[in-house]
């Protein structure tokens, strides 16, 4: 922790960028999953699969 004073002014911007990237990733994944579920819903046959 000898050099903490060097990085201390940059901690808030770094945390802000990380939090923003996390929010963008979660939102994008939610949008993609929602699109896939809505686009391909009903394309699969009803009923169970026969297993071995």
N, C-alpha and C. Protein backbone atom coordinates (compact mmCIF):
# COMPACT_ATOMS: atom_id res chain seq x y z
N UNK A 1 0.82 -1.20 0.00
CA UNK A 1 0.00 0.00 0.00
C UNK A 1 0.87 1.26 0.00
N UNK A 2 2.11 1.11 -0.40
CA UNK A 2 3.01 2.26 -0.45
C UNK A 2 2.57 3.28 -1.49
N UNK A 3 2.01 2.80 -2.58
CA UNK A 3 1.65 3.68 -3.70
C UNK A 3 0.14 3.96 -3.77
N UNK A 4 -0.57 3.78 -2.68
CA UNK A 4 -2.02 4.00 -2.70
C UNK A 4 -2.36 5.44 -3.06
N UNK A 5 -1.55 6.38 -2.61
CA UNK A 5 -1.81 7.79 -2.89
C UNK A 5 -1.72 8.09 -4.39
N UNK A 6 -1.04 7.23 -5.14
CA UNK A 6 -0.92 7.44 -6.58
C UNK A 6 -2.22 7.05 -7.29
N UNK A 7 -2.84 5.95 -6.87
CA UNK A 7 -4.05 5.48 -7.54
C UNK A 7 -5.33 5.96 -6.88
N UNK A 8 -5.25 6.54 -5.71
CA UNK A 8 -6.44 6.97 -4.98
C UNK A 8 -7.33 7.92 -5.79
N UNK A 9 -6.79 8.90 -6.52
CA UNK A 9 -7.68 9.79 -7.28
C UNK A 9 -8.42 9.09 -8.41
N UNK A 10 -7.94 7.92 -8.83
CA UNK A 10 -8.54 7.22 -9.97
C UNK A 10 -9.49 6.11 -9.55
N UNK A 11 -9.64 5.86 -8.27
CA UNK A 11 -10.49 4.76 -7.83
C UNK A 11 -11.96 4.98 -8.17
N UNK A 12 -12.46 6.18 -7.96
CA UNK A 12 -13.88 6.44 -8.27
C UNK A 12 -14.17 6.29 -9.76
N UNK A 13 -13.38 6.89 -10.66
CA UNK A 13 -13.66 6.67 -12.09
C UNK A 13 -13.55 5.20 -12.51
N UNK A 14 -12.59 4.48 -11.94
CA UNK A 14 -12.45 3.07 -12.27
C UNK A 14 -13.68 2.29 -11.82
N UNK A 15 -14.13 2.54 -10.60
CA UNK A 15 -15.32 1.85 -10.08
C UNK A 15 -16.56 2.23 -10.89
N UNK A 16 -16.65 3.49 -11.31
CA UNK A 16 -17.78 3.93 -12.11
C UNK A 16 -17.80 3.23 -13.46
N UNK A 17 -16.65 3.09 -14.09
CA UNK A 17 -16.55 2.39 -15.37
C UNK A 17 -16.91 0.92 -15.20
N UNK A 18 -16.41 0.28 -14.15
CA UNK A 18 -16.72 -1.13 -13.91
C UNK A 18 -18.21 -1.34 -13.67
N UNK A 19 -18.81 -0.48 -12.87
CA UNK A 19 -20.24 -0.59 -12.59
C UNK A 19 -21.06 -0.36 -13.86
N UNK A 20 -20.67 0.63 -14.66
CA UNK A 20 -21.37 0.89 -15.92
C UNK A 20 -21.27 -0.28 -16.88
N UNK A 21 -20.09 -0.87 -16.97
CA UNK A 21 -19.90 -2.03 -17.85
C UNK A 21 -20.73 -3.21 -17.38
N UNK A 22 -20.81 -3.40 -16.06
CA UNK A 22 -21.62 -4.48 -15.51
C UNK A 22 -23.10 -4.29 -15.84
N UNK A 23 -23.60 -3.08 -15.67
CA UNK A 23 -25.01 -2.79 -15.97
C UNK A 23 -25.29 -2.98 -17.45
N UNK A 24 -24.40 -2.50 -18.31
CA UNK A 24 -24.59 -2.66 -19.75
C UNK A 24 -24.60 -4.13 -20.14
N UNK A 25 -23.71 -4.93 -19.57
CA UNK A 25 -23.66 -6.36 -19.88
C UNK A 25 -24.92 -7.08 -19.44
N UNK A 26 -25.38 -6.80 -18.23
CA UNK A 26 -26.60 -7.46 -17.74
C UNK A 26 -27.79 -7.07 -18.60
N UNK A 27 -27.90 -5.79 -18.95
CA UNK A 27 -29.02 -5.34 -19.77
C UNK A 27 -28.97 -5.97 -21.16
N UNK A 28 -27.79 -6.04 -21.75
CA UNK A 28 -27.66 -6.63 -23.09
C UNK A 28 -27.99 -8.11 -23.07
N UNK A 29 -27.53 -8.83 -22.06
CA UNK A 29 -27.86 -10.25 -21.95
C UNK A 29 -29.36 -10.44 -21.78
N UNK A 30 -30.00 -9.59 -20.98
CA UNK A 30 -31.45 -9.69 -20.79
C UNK A 30 -32.19 -9.43 -22.10
N UNK A 31 -31.74 -8.47 -22.87
CA UNK A 31 -32.39 -8.16 -24.15
C UNK A 31 -32.21 -9.33 -25.13
N UNK A 32 -31.02 -9.89 -25.20
CA UNK A 32 -30.77 -11.00 -26.12
C UNK A 32 -31.59 -12.23 -25.72
N UNK A 33 -31.62 -12.55 -24.44
CA UNK A 33 -32.39 -13.71 -23.98
C UNK A 33 -33.88 -13.50 -24.25
N UNK A 34 -34.37 -12.30 -23.99
CA UNK A 34 -35.78 -12.00 -24.26
C UNK A 34 -36.09 -12.13 -25.75
N UNK A 35 -35.20 -11.63 -26.60
CA UNK A 35 -35.40 -11.74 -28.05
C UNK A 35 -35.43 -13.19 -28.49
N UNK A 36 -34.49 -13.98 -28.00
CA UNK A 36 -34.42 -15.39 -28.38
C UNK A 36 -35.66 -16.13 -27.91
N UNK A 37 -36.09 -15.88 -26.68
CA UNK A 37 -37.28 -16.56 -26.17
C UNK A 37 -38.52 -16.19 -26.98
N UNK A 38 -38.67 -14.92 -27.33
CA UNK A 38 -39.84 -14.49 -28.10
C UNK A 38 -39.77 -14.95 -29.55
N UNK A 39 -38.58 -14.97 -30.12
CA UNK A 39 -38.42 -15.32 -31.54
C UNK A 39 -38.64 -16.80 -31.78
N UNK A 40 -38.15 -17.63 -30.88
CA UNK A 40 -38.18 -19.07 -31.12
C UNK A 40 -39.20 -19.80 -30.26
N UNK A 41 -40.06 -19.07 -29.57
CA UNK A 41 -41.08 -19.71 -28.75
C UNK A 41 -42.07 -20.45 -29.64
N UNK A 42 -42.35 -21.68 -29.31
CA UNK A 42 -43.33 -22.45 -30.06
C UNK A 42 -42.74 -23.24 -31.21
N UNK A 43 -41.44 -23.15 -31.44
CA UNK A 43 -40.83 -23.89 -32.53
C UNK A 43 -40.51 -25.33 -32.16
N UNK A 44 -40.69 -25.68 -30.90
CA UNK A 44 -40.33 -27.01 -30.45
C UNK A 44 -41.58 -27.83 -30.20
N UNK A 45 -41.55 -29.12 -30.51
CA UNK A 45 -42.74 -29.97 -30.32
C UNK A 45 -43.09 -30.13 -28.85
N UNK A 46 -44.38 -30.28 -28.60
CA UNK A 46 -44.86 -30.49 -27.23
C UNK A 46 -44.56 -31.91 -26.79
N UNK A 47 -44.53 -32.12 -25.50
CA UNK A 47 -44.35 -33.46 -24.96
C UNK A 47 -42.92 -33.75 -24.58
N UNK A 48 -42.76 -34.87 -23.89
CA UNK A 48 -41.43 -35.26 -23.42
C UNK A 48 -40.64 -35.98 -24.48
N UNK A 49 -39.40 -36.15 -24.21
CA UNK A 49 -38.53 -36.88 -25.12
C UNK A 49 -38.37 -38.31 -24.61
N UNK A 50 -38.27 -39.25 -25.55
CA UNK A 50 -38.02 -40.64 -25.16
C UNK A 50 -36.56 -40.80 -24.83
N UNK A 51 -36.30 -41.39 -23.69
CA UNK A 51 -34.91 -41.59 -23.29
C UNK A 51 -34.62 -43.07 -23.20
N UNK A 52 -33.54 -43.47 -23.79
CA UNK A 52 -32.97 -44.73 -23.84
C UNK A 52 -33.52 -45.95 -23.45
